[in-house]
Amino acid sequence: MNIAEKKRQNNIAEYIIHMYQSEDLIRAFECDIDKVKEYVLKHIPTEGTTKKELEHWYQQLLERMQHENILSSGHLKETHEIVAQLDELKQELVHNDEEFKSIYTKAESHIQQMLQLAEGKINSEVQICLNGVYGLLIAKINGRDIPDEFRESIEEFGNVLSYLSYKYKQKHFLSNN
């Protein structure tokens, strides 16, 4: 099982962020799989078939990006569908799960603030949380300072995503036995 599939089964929010990062990695190397192999995959400490599987996974991802016409921007349809599933789960939990209600209430003002800043370009509260966490990751990679008010927002977004991921895993990957 590759890294992406492990993340998909164990923490769906991490999986989505991994997919965003992988798409951006391919774009950073001009959608040239040979450059990805040379400058990235070659330096990942794996051996034998694992390395080949990783190369195959990136090749398949590139092909999917080409097929869906998202080579310059955007995300895979499958990833959008998972975000939509998480939005539905969020709606369900807000009405039926006291623990989630408490977590969501702490994050709600931060989410609403970011929705306003998005000026209608993003309507999904889950997408706002994912973008915040992914944005923090990119900012850290680029050595940028993160203002304290954004750190607080991102922490609350992370709490929402963690709980949603836990419930998603229960619903999709754990048996009722």
Protein backbone atom coordinates (compact mmCIF):
# COMPACT_ATOMS: atom_id res chain seq x y z
CA MET A 1 0.00 0.00 0.00
CA ASN A 2 1.48 3.37 -0.99
CA ILE A 3 1.69 6.48 1.18
CA ALA A 4 -1.37 8.11 -0.38
CA GLU A 5 -3.55 5.05 0.16
CA LYS A 6 -2.41 4.75 3.79
CA LYS A 7 -3.28 8.40 4.36
CA ARG A 8 -6.64 7.91 2.62
CA GLN A 9 -7.55 5.10 5.01
CA ASN A 10 -6.10 6.62 8.18
CA ASN A 11 -6.64 10.39 7.89
CA ILE A 12 -8.64 11.69 4.95
CA ALA A 13 -7.65 15.33 5.55
CA GLU A 14 -3.96 14.36 5.39
CA TYR A 15 -4.73 12.47 2.19
CA ILE A 16 -6.32 15.53 0.59
CA ILE A 17 -3.39 17.73 1.59
CA HIS A 18 -0.98 15.07 0.30
CA MET A 19 -2.81 15.10 -3.03
CA TYR A 20 -2.64 18.91 -3.21
CA GLN A 21 1.06 18.77 -2.44
CA SER A 22 1.66 16.04 -5.04
CA GLU A 23 -0.22 17.98 -7.72
CA ASP A 24 1.80 21.10 -6.91
CA LEU A 25 5.03 19.08 -6.96
CA ILE A 26 4.27 17.85 -10.47
CA ARG A 27 3.48 21.42 -11.54
CA ALA A 28 6.70 22.70 -9.98
CA PHE A 29 8.61 20.35 -12.28
CA GLU A 30 6.69 21.54 -15.35
CA CYS A 31 4.59 18.35 -15.48
CA ASP A 32 7.71 16.45 -16.55
CA ILE A 33 7.73 13.03 -14.87
CA ASP A 34 11.43 12.58 -15.65
CA LYS A 35 12.23 15.72 -13.63
CA VAL A 36 10.06 14.48 -10.77
CA LYS A 37 11.95 11.18 -10.81
CA GLU A 38 15.36 12.86 -11.00
CA TYR A 39 14.92 15.65 -8.47
CA VAL A 40 12.39 14.16 -6.05
CA LEU A 41 11.76 10.44 -6.22
CA LYS A 42 15.43 9.59 -6.61
CA HIS A 43 16.05 11.13 -3.17
CA ILE A 44 13.26 9.34 -1.33
CA PRO A 45 14.71 6.50 0.73
CA THR A 46 12.89 3.49 -0.72
CA GLU A 47 14.13 0.34 -2.38
CA GLY A 48 13.17 -2.02 -5.18
CA THR A 49 9.53 -2.32 -6.02
CA THR A 50 8.56 0.45 -3.60
CA LYS A 51 10.48 3.00 -5.67
CA LYS A 52 8.88 1.65 -8.86
CA GLU A 53 5.44 1.80 -7.26
CA LEU A 54 6.05 5.41 -6.25
CA GLU A 55 7.17 6.32 -9.77
CA HIS A 56 4.10 4.57 -11.18
CA TRP A 57 1.83 6.43 -8.75
CA TYR A 58 3.25 9.82 -9.80
CA GLN A 59 2.96 8.85 -13.47
CA GLN A 60 -0.69 7.92 -12.95
CA LEU A 61 -1.32 11.16 -11.07
CA LEU A 62 0.19 13.17 -13.93
CA GLU A 63 -1.99 11.29 -16.42
CA ARG A 64 -5.09 11.99 -14.35
CA MET A 65 -4.15 15.67 -14.14
CA GLN A 66 -3.74 15.74 -17.93
CA HIS A 67 -7.05 13.96 -18.46
CA GLU A 68 -8.87 16.39 -16.14
CA ASN A 69 -7.07 19.40 -17.63
CA ILE A 70 -5.63 20.62 -14.32
CA LEU A 71 -1.97 20.84 -15.27
CA SER A 72 -1.70 24.53 -14.40
CA SER A 73 -4.15 24.75 -11.48
CA GLY A 74 -6.99 23.02 -9.73
CA HIS A 75 -7.46 19.67 -8.08
CA LEU A 76 -8.61 16.24 -9.16
CA LYS A 77 -12.36 15.62 -9.38
CA GLU A 78 -11.97 12.71 -6.95
CA THR A 79 -10.47 15.05 -4.35
CA HIS A 80 -13.32 17.55 -4.81
CA GLU A 81 -15.77 14.70 -4.28
CA ILE A 82 -14.09 13.74 -1.00
CA VAL A 83 -14.26 17.37 0.16
CA ALA A 84 -17.99 17.33 -0.68
CA GLN A 85 -18.39 14.12 1.37
CA LEU A 86 -16.62 15.81 4.28
CA ASP A 87 -18.95 18.82 3.94
CA GLU A 88 -21.95 16.48 4.15
CA LEU A 89 -20.43 14.74 7.16
CA LYS A 90 -19.79 18.13 8.79
CA GLN A 91 -23.45 19.07 8.34
CA GLU A 92 -24.55 15.76 9.84
CA LEU A 93 -22.19 16.06 12.82
CA VAL A 94 -23.09 19.69 13.57
CA HIS A 95 -26.65 18.50 14.19
CA ASN A 96 -26.00 15.11 15.80
CA ASP A 97 -22.64 15.08 17.60
CA GLU A 98 -22.11 17.21 20.71
CA GLU A 99 -18.33 16.79 20.68
CA PHE A 100 -18.10 17.97 17.08
CA LYS A 101 -20.50 20.84 17.80
CA SER A 102 -18.10 22.06 20.48
CA ILE A 103 -15.08 21.79 18.15
CA TYR A 104 -16.94 23.45 15.29
CA THR A 105 -18.22 26.32 17.45
CA LYS A 106 -14.63 27.25 18.36
CA ALA A 107 -13.68 27.30 14.67
CA GLU A 108 -16.82 28.85 13.23
CA SER A 109 -15.84 32.53 13.50
CA HIS A 110 -12.46 31.78 11.90
CA ILE A 111 -14.15 29.84 9.10
CA GLN A 112 -16.66 32.64 8.47
CA GLN A 113 -13.86 35.22 8.39
CA MET A 114 -11.97 33.21 5.77
CA LEU A 115 -15.14 32.66 3.74
CA GLN A 116 -15.57 36.44 3.61
CA LEU A 117 -11.96 36.88 2.51
CA ALA A 118 -12.56 34.30 -0.25
CA GLU A 119 -15.20 36.65 -1.70
CA GLY A 120 -17.41 33.82 -2.96
CA LYS A 121 -14.61 31.89 -4.66
CA ILE A 122 -14.88 29.21 -1.96
CA ASN A 123 -18.19 28.19 -0.38
CA SER A 124 -17.13 25.00 1.40
CA GLU A 125 -16.25 25.34 5.06
CA VAL A 126 -14.20 22.15 4.85
CA GLN A 127 -12.31 23.58 1.86
CA ILE A 128 -11.57 26.71 3.89
CA CYS A 129 -10.09 24.53 6.65
CA LEU A 130 -8.05 22.49 4.17
CA ASN A 131 -6.76 25.61 2.41
CA GLY A 132 -5.74 27.10 5.74
CA VAL A 133 -3.78 24.03 6.82
CA TYR A 134 -2.22 23.60 3.37
CA GLY A 135 -1.37 27.30 3.24
CA LEU A 136 0.41 26.99 6.59
CA LEU A 137 2.41 24.04 5.26
CA ILE A 138 3.46 26.00 2.16
CA ALA A 139 4.31 29.09 4.21
CA LYS A 140 6.51 27.02 6.54
CA ILE A 141 8.24 25.35 3.58
CA ASN A 142 8.96 28.80 2.15
CA GLY A 143 10.22 30.11 5.51
CA ARG A 144 7.49 32.72 5.90
CA ASP A 145 6.35 34.03 9.24
CA ILE A 146 2.79 33.18 10.21
CA PRO A 147 0.85 35.88 12.10
CA ASP A 148 -0.52 34.71 15.45
CA GLU A 149 -4.16 35.31 14.44
CA PHE A 150 -3.70 32.95 11.49
CA ARG A 151 -2.02 30.36 13.68
CA GLU A 152 -5.06 30.37 15.96
CA SER A 153 -7.38 29.95 12.97
CA ILE A 154 -5.29 27.13 11.54
CA GLU A 155 -5.26 25.34 14.89
CA GLU A 156 -9.06 25.44 15.01
CA PHE A 157 -9.24 24.30 11.36
CA GLY A 158 -6.95 21.41 12.25
CA ASN A 159 -9.24 20.40 15.11
CA VAL A 160 -12.26 20.37 12.77
CA LEU A 161 -10.38 18.37 10.14
CA SER A 162 -9.04 15.89 12.71
CA TYR A 163 -12.50 15.11 14.03
CA LEU A 164 -14.00 14.90 10.54
CA SER A 165 -11.18 12.56 9.50
CA TYR A 166 -11.80 10.34 12.51
CA LYS A 167 -15.51 10.12 11.76
CA TYR A 168 -14.85 9.60 8.03
CA LYS A 169 -12.53 6.71 8.86
CA GLN A 170 -15.16 5.18 11.14
CA LYS A 171 -17.80 5.49 8.44
CA HIS A 172 -15.75 4.31 5.45
CA PHE A 173 -12.96 2.03 6.68
CA LEU A 174 -13.86 0.47 10.01
CA SER A 175 -16.33 -2.37 10.19
CA ASN A 176 -19.24 -2.33 12.60
CA ASN A 177 -18.19 -5.68 14.06
